[in-house]
All heavy atoms as atom14 arrays in JSON, in Angstrom:
{
  "sequence": "GDTFLSIANSTFQGLSTCQAIGNQNNNLTTSLVYTGTRISVPLRCAC",
  "atom14_mask": [
    [1, 1, 1, 1, 0, 0, 0, 0, 0, 0, 0, 0, 0, 0],
    [1, 1, 1, 1, 1, 1, 1, 1, 0, 0, 0, 0, 0, 0],
    [1, 1, 1, 1, 1, 1, 1, 0, 0, 0, 0, 0, 0, 0],
    [1, 1, 1, 1, 1, 1, 1, 1, 1, 1, 1, 0, 0, 0],
    [1, 1, 1, 1, 1, 1, 1, 1, 0, 0, 0, 0, 0, 0],
    [1, 1, 1, 1, 1, 1, 0, 0, 0, 0, 0, 0, 0, 0],
    [1, 1, 1, 1, 1, 1, 1, 1, 0, 0, 0, 0, 0, 0],
    [1, 1, 1, 1, 1, 0, 0, 0, 0, 0, 0, 0, 0, 0],
    [1, 1, 1, 1, 1, 1, 1, 1, 0, 0, 0, 0, 0, 0],
    [1, 1, 1, 1, 1, 1, 0, 0, 0, 0, 0, 0, 0, 0],
    [1, 1, 1, 1, 1, 1, 1, 0, 0, 0, 0, 0, 0, 0],
    [1, 1, 1, 1, 1, 1, 1, 1, 1, 1, 1, 0, 0, 0],
    [1, 1, 1, 1, 1, 1, 1, 1, 1, 0, 0, 0, 0, 0],
    [1, 1, 1, 1, 0, 0, 0, 0, 0, 0, 0, 0, 0, 0],
    [1, 1, 1, 1, 1, 1, 1, 1, 0, 0, 0, 0, 0, 0],
    [1, 1, 1, 1, 1, 1, 0, 0, 0, 0, 0, 0, 0, 0],
    [1, 1, 1, 1, 1, 1, 1, 0, 0, 0, 0, 0, 0, 0],
    [1, 1, 1, 1, 1, 1, 0, 0, 0, 0, 0, 0, 0, 0],
    [1, 1, 1, 1, 1, 1, 1, 1, 1, 0, 0, 0, 0, 0],
    [1, 1, 1, 1, 1, 0, 0, 0, 0, 0, 0, 0, 0, 0],
    [1, 1, 1, 1, 1, 1, 1, 1, 0, 0, 0, 0, 0, 0],
    [1, 1, 1, 1, 0, 0, 0, 0, 0, 0, 0, 0, 0, 0],
    [1, 1, 1, 1, 1, 1, 1, 1, 0, 0, 0, 0, 0, 0],
    [1, 1, 1, 1, 1, 1, 1, 1, 1, 0, 0, 0, 0, 0],
    [1, 1, 1, 1, 1, 1, 1, 1, 0, 0, 0, 0, 0, 0],
    [1, 1, 1, 1, 1, 1, 1, 1, 0, 0, 0, 0, 0, 0],
    [1, 1, 1, 1, 1, 1, 1, 1, 0, 0, 0, 0, 0, 0],
    [1, 1, 1, 1, 1, 1, 1, 1, 0, 0, 0, 0, 0, 0],
    [1, 1, 1, 1, 1, 1, 1, 0, 0, 0, 0, 0, 0, 0],
    [1, 1, 1, 1, 1, 1, 1, 0, 0, 0, 0, 0, 0, 0],
    [1, 1, 1, 1, 1, 1, 0, 0, 0, 0, 0, 0, 0, 0],
    [1, 1, 1, 1, 1, 1, 1, 1, 0, 0, 0, 0, 0, 0],
    [1, 1, 1, 1, 1, 1, 1, 0, 0, 0, 0, 0, 0, 0],
    [1, 1, 1, 1, 1, 1, 1, 1, 1, 1, 1, 1, 0, 0],
    [1, 1, 1, 1, 1, 1, 1, 0, 0, 0, 0, 0, 0, 0],
    [1, 1, 1, 1, 0, 0, 0, 0, 0, 0, 0, 0, 0, 0],
    [1, 1, 1, 1, 1, 1, 1, 0, 0, 0, 0, 0, 0, 0],
    [1, 1, 1, 1, 1, 1, 1, 1, 1, 1, 1, 0, 0, 0],
    [1, 1, 1, 1, 1, 1, 1, 1, 0, 0, 0, 0, 0, 0],
    [1, 1, 1, 1, 1, 1, 0, 0, 0, 0, 0, 0, 0, 0],
    [1, 1, 1, 1, 1, 1, 1, 0, 0, 0, 0, 0, 0, 0],
    [1, 1, 1, 1, 1, 1, 1, 0, 0, 0, 0, 0, 0, 0],
    [1, 1, 1, 1, 1, 1, 1, 1, 0, 0, 0, 0, 0, 0],
    [1, 1, 1, 1, 1, 1, 1, 1, 1, 1, 1, 0, 0, 0],
    [1, 1, 1, 1, 1, 1, 0, 0, 0, 0, 0, 0, 0, 0],
    [1, 1, 1, 1, 1, 0, 0, 0, 0, 0, 0, 0, 0, 0],
    [1, 1, 1, 1, 1, 1, 0, 0, 0, 0, 0, 0, 0, 0]
  ],
  "atom14_positions": [
    [[0.79, -1.23, 0.0], [0.0, 0.0, 0.0], [0.82, 1.27, 0.0], [0.26, 2.37, -0.08], [0.0, 0.0, 0.0], [0.0, 0.0, 0.0], [0.0, 0.0, 0.0], [0.0, 0.0, 0.0], [0.0, 0.0, 0.0], [0.0, 0.0, 0.0], [0.0, 0.0, 0.0], [0.0, 0.0, 0.0], [0.0, 0.0, 0.0], [0.0, 0.0, 0.0]],
    [[2.15, 1.15, 0.1], [3.0, 2.35, 0.09], [2.99, 3.04, -1.27], [2.92, 2.38, -2.32], [4.45, 1.98, 0.42], [4.7, 1.87, 1.91], [3.89, 2.42, 2.67], [5.7, 1.25, 2.31], [0.0, 0.0, 0.0], [0.0, 0.0, 0.0], [0.0, 0.0, 0.0], [0.0, 0.0, 0.0], [0.0, 0.0, 0.0], [0.0, 0.0, 0.0]],
    [[3.06, 4.34, -1.25], [3.37, 5.13, -2.43], [4.55, 6.01, -2.07], [4.87, 6.2, -0.9], [2.19, 6.03, -2.86], [1.96, 7.01, -1.83], [0.93, 5.21, -3.07], [0.0, 0.0, 0.0], [0.0, 0.0, 0.0], [0.0, 0.0, 0.0], [0.0, 0.0, 0.0], [0.0, 0.0, 0.0], [0.0, 0.0, 0.0], [0.0, 0.0, 0.0]],
    [[5.23, 6.57, -3.09], [6.37, 7.44, -2.79], [5.91, 8.65, -1.98], [6.64, 9.17, -1.14], [7.05, 7.89, -4.08], [7.92, 6.82, -4.7], [8.46, 6.99, -5.97], [8.21, 5.65, -4.02], [9.27, 6.02, -6.54], [9.02, 4.66, -4.58], [9.55, 4.85, -5.84], [0.0, 0.0, 0.0], [0.0, 0.0, 0.0], [0.0, 0.0, 0.0]],
    [[4.67, 9.11, -2.24], [4.16, 10.26, -1.49], [3.92, 9.89, -0.03], [4.26, 10.65, 0.88], [2.87, 10.78, -2.13], [2.24, 12.02, -1.46], [3.22, 13.19, -1.49], [0.93, 12.4, -2.14], [0.0, 0.0, 0.0], [0.0, 0.0, 0.0], [0.0, 0.0, 0.0], [0.0, 0.0, 0.0], [0.0, 0.0, 0.0], [0.0, 0.0, 0.0]],
    [[3.33, 8.71, 0.21], [3.08, 8.31, 1.59], [4.39, 8.02, 2.34], [4.5, 8.29, 3.53], [2.17, 7.08, 1.63], [2.82, 5.92, 1.15], [0.0, 0.0, 0.0], [0.0, 0.0, 0.0], [0.0, 0.0, 0.0], [0.0, 0.0, 0.0], [0.0, 0.0, 0.0], [0.0, 0.0, 0.0], [0.0, 0.0, 0.0], [0.0, 0.0, 0.0]],
    [[5.37, 7.47, 1.62], [6.67, 7.22, 2.25], [7.31, 8.55, 2.65], [7.82, 8.7, 3.77], [7.59, 6.45, 1.29], [7.04, 5.04, 1.04], [9.01, 6.37, 1.85], [7.74, 4.31, -0.08], [0.0, 0.0, 0.0], [0.0, 0.0, 0.0], [0.0, 0.0, 0.0], [0.0, 0.0, 0.0], [0.0, 0.0, 0.0], [0.0, 0.0, 0.0]],
    [[7.26, 9.53, 1.74], [7.89, 10.83, 2.01], [7.16, 11.59, 3.11], [7.79, 12.12, 4.04], [7.94, 11.66, 0.72], [0.0, 0.0, 0.0], [0.0, 0.0, 0.0], [0.0, 0.0, 0.0], [0.0, 0.0, 0.0], [0.0, 0.0, 0.0], [0.0, 0.0, 0.0], [0.0, 0.0, 0.0], [0.0, 0.0, 0.0], [0.0, 0.0, 0.0]],
    [[5.83, 11.67, 3.02], [5.07, 12.54, 3.92], [4.58, 11.85, 5.19], [4.41, 12.51, 6.22], [3.87, 13.14, 3.2], [4.28, 14.28, 2.28], [5.47, 14.54, 2.11], [3.31, 14.96, 1.71], [0.0, 0.0, 0.0], [0.0, 0.0, 0.0], [0.0, 0.0, 0.0], [0.0, 0.0, 0.0], [0.0, 0.0, 0.0], [0.0, 0.0, 0.0]],
    [[4.35, 10.54, 5.12], [3.83, 9.84, 6.3], [4.96, 9.18, 7.07], [5.19, 9.5, 8.24], [2.79, 8.8, 5.88], [2.3, 8.11, 7.01], [0.0, 0.0, 0.0], [0.0, 0.0, 0.0], [0.0, 0.0, 0.0], [0.0, 0.0, 0.0], [0.0, 0.0, 0.0], [0.0, 0.0, 0.0], [0.0, 0.0, 0.0], [0.0, 0.0, 0.0]],
    [[5.68, 8.28, 6.41], [6.76, 7.57, 7.11], [7.88, 8.52, 7.53], [8.3, 8.54, 8.68], [7.33, 6.45, 6.22], [6.26, 5.58, 5.82], [8.38, 5.66, 6.97], [0.0, 0.0, 0.0], [0.0, 0.0, 0.0], [0.0, 0.0, 0.0], [0.0, 0.0, 0.0], [0.0, 0.0, 0.0], [0.0, 0.0, 0.0], [0.0, 0.0, 0.0]],
    [[8.37, 9.33, 6.55], [9.5, 10.23, 6.82], [9.05, 11.66, 7.15], [9.88, 12.54, 7.35], [10.48, 10.22, 5.65], [11.24, 8.93, 5.52], [10.77, 7.91, 4.72], [12.41, 8.73, 6.23], [11.45, 6.71, 4.62], [13.1, 7.54, 6.14], [12.62, 6.53, 5.32], [0.0, 0.0, 0.0], [0.0, 0.0, 0.0], [0.0, 0.0, 0.0]],
    [[7.74, 11.89, 7.19], [7.14, 13.12, 7.71], [7.57, 14.4, 6.95], [7.41, 15.5, 7.46], [7.47, 13.27, 9.2], [7.0, 12.1, 10.03], [7.38, 12.24, 11.5], [7.86, 13.28, 11.93], [7.15, 11.19, 12.26], [0.0, 0.0, 0.0], [0.0, 0.0, 0.0], [0.0, 0.0, 0.0], [0.0, 0.0, 0.0], [0.0, 0.0, 0.0]],
    [[8.1, 14.24, 5.74], [8.53, 15.4, 4.97], [10.03, 15.58, 4.93], [10.53, 16.53, 4.31], [0.0, 0.0, 0.0], [0.0, 0.0, 0.0], [0.0, 0.0, 0.0], [0.0, 0.0, 0.0], [0.0, 0.0, 0.0], [0.0, 0.0, 0.0], [0.0, 0.0, 0.0], [0.0, 0.0, 0.0], [0.0, 0.0, 0.0], [0.0, 0.0, 0.0]],
    [[10.79, 14.67, 5.54], [12.25, 14.75, 5.47], [12.77, 14.37, 4.08], [13.94, 14.58, 3.77], [12.89, 13.83, 6.52], [12.82, 14.33, 7.96], [13.35, 13.27, 8.91], [13.59, 15.63, 8.12], [0.0, 0.0, 0.0], [0.0, 0.0, 0.0], [0.0, 0.0, 0.0], [0.0, 0.0, 0.0], [0.0, 0.0, 0.0], [0.0, 0.0, 0.0]],
    [[11.9, 13.79, 3.27], [12.21, 13.54, 1.86], [10.96, 13.92, 1.07], [9.94, 14.31, 1.63], [12.59, 12.08, 1.63], [13.11, 11.89, 0.33], [0.0, 0.0, 0.0], [0.0, 0.0, 0.0], [0.0, 0.0, 0.0], [0.0, 0.0, 0.0], [0.0, 0.0, 0.0], [0.0, 0.0, 0.0], [0.0, 0.0, 0.0], [0.0, 0.0, 0.0]],
    [[11.06, 13.83, -0.24], [9.91, 14.13, -1.1], [9.72, 12.99, -2.08], [10.66, 12.22, -2.37], [10.12, 15.44, -1.88], [11.24, 15.28, -2.78], [10.39, 16.61, -0.94], [0.0, 0.0, 0.0], [0.0, 0.0, 0.0], [0.0, 0.0, 0.0], [0.0, 0.0, 0.0], [0.0, 0.0, 0.0], [0.0, 0.0, 0.0], [0.0, 0.0, 0.0]],
    [[8.51, 12.87, -2.62], [8.24, 11.8, -3.58], [9.12, 11.96, -4.82], [9.58, 10.98, -5.4], [6.76, 11.76, -3.95], [6.06, 13.34, -4.52], [0.0, 0.0, 0.0], [0.0, 0.0, 0.0], [0.0, 0.0, 0.0], [0.0, 0.0, 0.0], [0.0, 0.0, 0.0], [0.0, 0.0, 0.0], [0.0, 0.0, 0.0], [0.0, 0.0, 0.0]],
    [[9.38, 13.22, -5.22], [10.23, 13.45, -6.39], [11.67, 13.0, -6.12], [12.32, 12.38, -6.96], [10.22, 14.93, -6.79], [8.85, 15.47, -7.16], [8.18, 16.15, -5.98], [8.39, 15.78, -4.84], [7.38, 17.16, -6.26], [0.0, 0.0, 0.0], [0.0, 0.0, 0.0], [0.0, 0.0, 0.0], [0.0, 0.0, 0.0], [0.0, 0.0, 0.0]],
    [[12.18, 13.32, -4.92], [13.55, 12.95, -4.58], [13.71, 11.43, -4.5], [14.72, 10.88, -4.94], [13.95, 13.6, -3.27], [0.0, 0.0, 0.0], [0.0, 0.0, 0.0], [0.0, 0.0, 0.0], [0.0, 0.0, 0.0], [0.0, 0.0, 0.0], [0.0, 0.0, 0.0], [0.0, 0.0, 0.0], [0.0, 0.0, 0.0], [0.0, 0.0, 0.0]],
    [[12.71, 10.74, -3.94], [12.77, 9.29, -3.84], [12.75, 8.66, -5.23], [13.51, 7.74, -5.54], [11.61, 8.75, -2.98], [11.75, 9.24, -1.54], [11.57, 7.22, -3.02], [10.57, 8.89, -0.65], [0.0, 0.0, 0.0], [0.0, 0.0, 0.0], [0.0, 0.0, 0.0], [0.0, 0.0, 0.0], [0.0, 0.0, 0.0], [0.0, 0.0, 0.0]],
    [[11.86, 9.16, -6.09], [11.81, 8.65, -7.46], [13.11, 8.89, -8.2], [13.62, 8.01, -8.91], [0.0, 0.0, 0.0], [0.0, 0.0, 0.0], [0.0, 0.0, 0.0], [0.0, 0.0, 0.0], [0.0, 0.0, 0.0], [0.0, 0.0, 0.0], [0.0, 0.0, 0.0], [0.0, 0.0, 0.0], [0.0, 0.0, 0.0], [0.0, 0.0, 0.0]],
    [[13.67, 10.08, -8.02], [14.92, 10.43, -8.69], [16.08, 9.58, -8.18], [16.92, 9.13, -8.95], [15.23, 11.92, -8.45], [16.47, 12.38, -9.2], [16.47, 12.45, -10.42], [17.52, 12.69, -8.47], [0.0, 0.0, 0.0], [0.0, 0.0, 0.0], [0.0, 0.0, 0.0], [0.0, 0.0, 0.0], [0.0, 0.0, 0.0], [0.0, 0.0, 0.0]],
    [[16.12, 9.33, -6.87], [17.2, 8.53, -6.28], [17.13, 7.09, -6.75], [18.15, 6.41, -6.83], [17.1, 8.59, -4.76], [18.2, 7.85, -4.02], [19.45, 8.68, -3.87], [19.58, 9.74, -4.45], [20.38, 8.2, -3.08], [0.0, 0.0, 0.0], [0.0, 0.0, 0.0], [0.0, 0.0, 0.0], [0.0, 0.0, 0.0], [0.0, 0.0, 0.0]],
    [[15.92, 6.62, -7.05], [15.74, 5.24, -7.47], [15.48, 5.16, -8.97], [14.59, 4.45, -9.44], [14.6, 4.6, -6.67], [14.94, 4.46, -5.21], [15.6, 3.52, -4.8], [14.5, 5.42, -4.4], [0.0, 0.0, 0.0], [0.0, 0.0, 0.0], [0.0, 0.0, 0.0], [0.0, 0.0, 0.0], [0.0, 0.0, 0.0], [0.0, 0.0, 0.0]],
    [[16.27, 5.96, -9.7], [16.28, 5.92, -11.16], [14.93, 6.25, -11.78], [14.5, 5.65, -12.75], [16.75, 4.54, -11.65], [18.1, 4.17, -11.1], [19.09, 4.84, -11.4], [18.15, 3.15, -10.27], [0.0, 0.0, 0.0], [0.0, 0.0, 0.0], [0.0, 0.0, 0.0], [0.0, 0.0, 0.0], [0.0, 0.0, 0.0], [0.0, 0.0, 0.0]],
    [[14.26, 7.26, -11.16], [12.99, 7.78, -11.69], [11.91, 6.7, -11.81], [11.05, 6.78, -12.69], [13.22, 8.48, -13.03], [13.9, 9.81, -12.87], [13.57, 10.58, -11.96], [14.87, 10.09, -13.72], [0.0, 0.0, 0.0], [0.0, 0.0, 0.0], [0.0, 0.0, 0.0], [0.0, 0.0, 0.0], [0.0, 0.0, 0.0], [0.0, 0.0, 0.0]],
    [[11.97, 5.7, -10.95], [10.9, 4.71, -10.92], [9.68, 5.31, -10.23], [9.77, 6.28, -9.49], [11.36, 3.47, -10.15], [12.48, 2.64, -10.78], [12.88, 1.53, -9.84], [12.05, 2.06, -12.12], [0.0, 0.0, 0.0], [0.0, 0.0, 0.0], [0.0, 0.0, 0.0], [0.0, 0.0, 0.0], [0.0, 0.0, 0.0], [0.0, 0.0, 0.0]],
    [[8.54, 4.72, -10.48], [7.34, 5.07, -9.73], [7.01, 3.91, -8.81], [7.5, 2.79, -8.99], [6.15, 5.33, -10.68], [5.87, 4.13, -11.42], [6.46, 6.47, -11.64], [0.0, 0.0, 0.0], [0.0, 0.0, 0.0], [0.0, 0.0, 0.0], [0.0, 0.0, 0.0], [0.0, 0.0, 0.0], [0.0, 0.0, 0.0], [0.0, 0.0, 0.0]],
    [[6.18, 4.16, -7.81], [5.87, 3.1, -6.84], [5.25, 1.9, -7.52], [5.42, 0.77, -7.08], [4.9, 3.65, -5.77], [5.32, 4.96, -5.41], [4.89, 2.77, -4.55], [0.0, 0.0, 0.0], [0.0, 0.0, 0.0], [0.0, 0.0, 0.0], [0.0, 0.0, 0.0], [0.0, 0.0, 0.0], [0.0, 0.0, 0.0], [0.0, 0.0, 0.0]],
    [[4.53, 2.12, -8.61], [3.87, 1.01, -9.3], [4.89, 0.03, -9.9], [4.55, -1.11, -10.2], [2.96, 1.54, -10.4], [3.71, 2.29, -11.36], [0.0, 0.0, 0.0], [0.0, 0.0, 0.0], [0.0, 0.0, 0.0], [0.0, 0.0, 0.0], [0.0, 0.0, 0.0], [0.0, 0.0, 0.0], [0.0, 0.0, 0.0], [0.0, 0.0, 0.0]],
    [[6.15, 0.48, -10.08], [7.18, -0.38, -10.64], [8.06, -1.0, -9.56], [9.02, -1.69, -9.87], [8.06, 0.43, -11.61], [7.34, 1.01, -12.83], [8.3, 1.85, -13.66], [6.72, -0.09, -13.67], [0.0, 0.0, 0.0], [0.0, 0.0, 0.0], [0.0, 0.0, 0.0], [0.0, 0.0, 0.0], [0.0, 0.0, 0.0], [0.0, 0.0, 0.0]],
    [[7.76, -0.72, -8.29], [8.54, -1.25, -7.18], [7.68, -2.22, -6.39], [6.58, -1.89, -5.99], [9.04, -0.11, -6.27], [9.88, -0.68, -5.14], [9.84, 0.9, -7.07], [0.0, 0.0, 0.0], [0.0, 0.0, 0.0], [0.0, 0.0, 0.0], [0.0, 0.0, 0.0], [0.0, 0.0, 0.0], [0.0, 0.0, 0.0], [0.0, 0.0, 0.0]],
    [[8.19, -3.43, -6.17], [7.41, -4.48, -5.52], [7.5, -4.37, -4.01], [8.49, -3.89, -3.45], [7.9, -5.86, -5.96], [7.69, -6.12, -7.44], [8.72, -5.88, -8.34], [6.47, -6.59, -7.92], [8.54, -6.11, -9.7], [6.28, -6.83, -9.27], [7.32, -6.58, -10.15], [7.13, -6.81, -11.49], [0.0, 0.0, 0.0], [0.0, 0.0, 0.0]],
    [[6.46, -4.86, -3.34], [6.48, -4.95, -1.88], [7.68, -5.79, -1.45], [7.94, -6.85, -2.01], [5.17, -5.6, -1.37], [4.06, -4.77, -1.77], [5.19, -5.76, 0.13], [0.0, 0.0, 0.0], [0.0, 0.0, 0.0], [0.0, 0.0, 0.0], [0.0, 0.0, 0.0], [0.0, 0.0, 0.0], [0.0, 0.0, 0.0], [0.0, 0.0, 0.0]],
    [[8.4, -5.31, -0.45], [9.6, -5.99, 0.01], [10.88, -5.47, -0.62], [11.98, -5.83, -0.2], [0.0, 0.0, 0.0], [0.0, 0.0, 0.0], [0.0, 0.0, 0.0], [0.0, 0.0, 0.0], [0.0, 0.0, 0.0], [0.0, 0.0, 0.0], [0.0, 0.0, 0.0], [0.0, 0.0, 0.0], [0.0, 0.0, 0.0], [0.0, 0.0, 0.0]],
    [[10.75, -4.61, -1.64], [11.92, -4.03, -2.28], [12.53, -2.95, -1.37], [11.82, -2.15, -0.79], [11.55, -3.38, -3.63], [10.96, -4.37, -4.47], [12.79, -2.8, -4.31], [0.0, 0.0, 0.0], [0.0, 0.0, 0.0], [0.0, 0.0, 0.0], [0.0, 0.0, 0.0], [0.0, 0.0, 0.0], [0.0, 0.0, 0.0], [0.0, 0.0, 0.0]],
    [[13.83, -2.97, -1.25], [14.53, -1.94, -0.48], [14.91, -0.79, -1.41], [15.55, -1.01, -2.44], [15.78, -2.5, 0.2], [16.49, -1.51, 1.12], [17.7, -2.15, 1.76], [17.33, -3.23, 2.64], [17.05, -3.07, 3.94], [17.12, -1.85, 4.47], [16.73, -4.09, 4.68], [0.0, 0.0, 0.0], [0.0, 0.0, 0.0], [0.0, 0.0, 0.0]],
    [[14.48, 0.41, -1.08], [14.77, 1.58, -1.9], [15.64, 2.55, -1.12], [15.71, 2.51, 0.11], [13.48, 2.3, -2.35], [12.7, 2.81, -1.13], [12.63, 1.41, -3.22], [11.54, 3.72, -1.5], [0.0, 0.0, 0.0], [0.0, 0.0, 0.0], [0.0, 0.0, 0.0], [0.0, 0.0, 0.0], [0.0, 0.0, 0.0], [0.0, 0.0, 0.0]],
    [[16.32, 3.43, -1.85], [17.12, 4.49, -1.23], [16.24, 5.71, -0.99], [15.42, 6.05, -1.84], [18.3, 4.86, -2.12], [19.17, 3.77, -2.29], [0.0, 0.0, 0.0], [0.0, 0.0, 0.0], [0.0, 0.0, 0.0], [0.0, 0.0, 0.0], [0.0, 0.0, 0.0], [0.0, 0.0, 0.0], [0.0, 0.0, 0.0], [0.0, 0.0, 0.0]],
    [[16.42, 6.34, 0.15], [15.65, 7.53, 0.48], [16.62, 8.66, 0.84], [17.33, 8.56, 1.84], [14.68, 7.28, 1.66], [13.91, 8.55, 2.01], [13.72, 6.15, 1.32], [0.0, 0.0, 0.0], [0.0, 0.0, 0.0], [0.0, 0.0, 0.0], [0.0, 0.0, 0.0], [0.0, 0.0, 0.0], [0.0, 0.0, 0.0], [0.0, 0.0, 0.0]],
    [[16.69, 9.72, 0.02], [17.55, 10.87, 0.35], [16.84, 11.8, 1.33], [15.71, 12.22, 1.1], [17.75, 11.54, -1.01], [16.51, 11.21, -1.79], [16.02, 9.88, -1.29], [0.0, 0.0, 0.0], [0.0, 0.0, 0.0], [0.0, 0.0, 0.0], [0.0, 0.0, 0.0], [0.0, 0.0, 0.0], [0.0, 0.0, 0.0], [0.0, 0.0, 0.0]],
    [[17.49, 12.09, 2.44], [16.91, 12.96, 3.47], [17.44, 14.39, 3.3], [18.62, 14.59, 2.97], [17.25, 12.44, 4.87], [16.84, 10.99, 5.13], [17.31, 10.55, 6.51], [15.33, 10.81, 5.01], [0.0, 0.0, 0.0], [0.0, 0.0, 0.0], [0.0, 0.0, 0.0], [0.0, 0.0, 0.0], [0.0, 0.0, 0.0], [0.0, 0.0, 0.0]],
    [[16.58, 15.36, 3.53], [16.91, 16.76, 3.28], [17.78, 17.32, 4.41], [17.37, 17.38, 5.56], [15.63, 17.59, 3.15], [14.77, 17.18, 1.98], [13.47, 17.96, 1.95], [13.68, 19.37, 1.69], [13.81, 19.9, 0.48], [13.75, 19.11, -0.59], [13.98, 21.2, 0.33], [0.0, 0.0, 0.0], [0.0, 0.0, 0.0], [0.0, 0.0, 0.0]],
    [[19.0, 17.71, 4.06], [19.9, 18.33, 5.01], [20.78, 19.3, 4.24], [20.76, 19.32, 3.0], [20.75, 17.29, 5.73], [21.85, 16.37, 4.61], [0.0, 0.0, 0.0], [0.0, 0.0, 0.0], [0.0, 0.0, 0.0], [0.0, 0.0, 0.0], [0.0, 0.0, 0.0], [0.0, 0.0, 0.0], [0.0, 0.0, 0.0], [0.0, 0.0, 0.0]],
    [[21.56, 20.09, 4.94], [22.42, 21.07, 4.27], [23.56, 21.48, 5.19], [23.49, 21.3, 6.41], [21.62, 22.29, 3.83], [0.0, 0.0, 0.0], [0.0, 0.0, 0.0], [0.0, 0.0, 0.0], [0.0, 0.0, 0.0], [0.0, 0.0, 0.0], [0.0, 0.0, 0.0], [0.0, 0.0, 0.0], [0.0, 0.0, 0.0], [0.0, 0.0, 0.0]],
    [[24.62, 22.01, 4.58], [25.76, 22.55, 5.32], [25.76, 24.07, 5.18], [25.34, 24.6, 4.15], [27.07, 21.98, 4.79], [27.19, 20.17, 4.94], [0.0, 0.0, 0.0], [0.0, 0.0, 0.0], [0.0, 0.0, 0.0], [0.0, 0.0, 0.0], [0.0, 0.0, 0.0], [0.0, 0.0, 0.0], [0.0, 0.0, 0.0], [0.0, 0.0, 0.0]]
  ]
}
């Protein structure tokens, strides 16, 4: 039931974005990622 938007806004509470997650995972969409797949999540930080 996960979507990139729910992962970004619900699980990570806005520390990432659906666009950033898709971009980090080679512009895939959630529909192309299977349950149980481990994805990379870039978290927003800066120096």
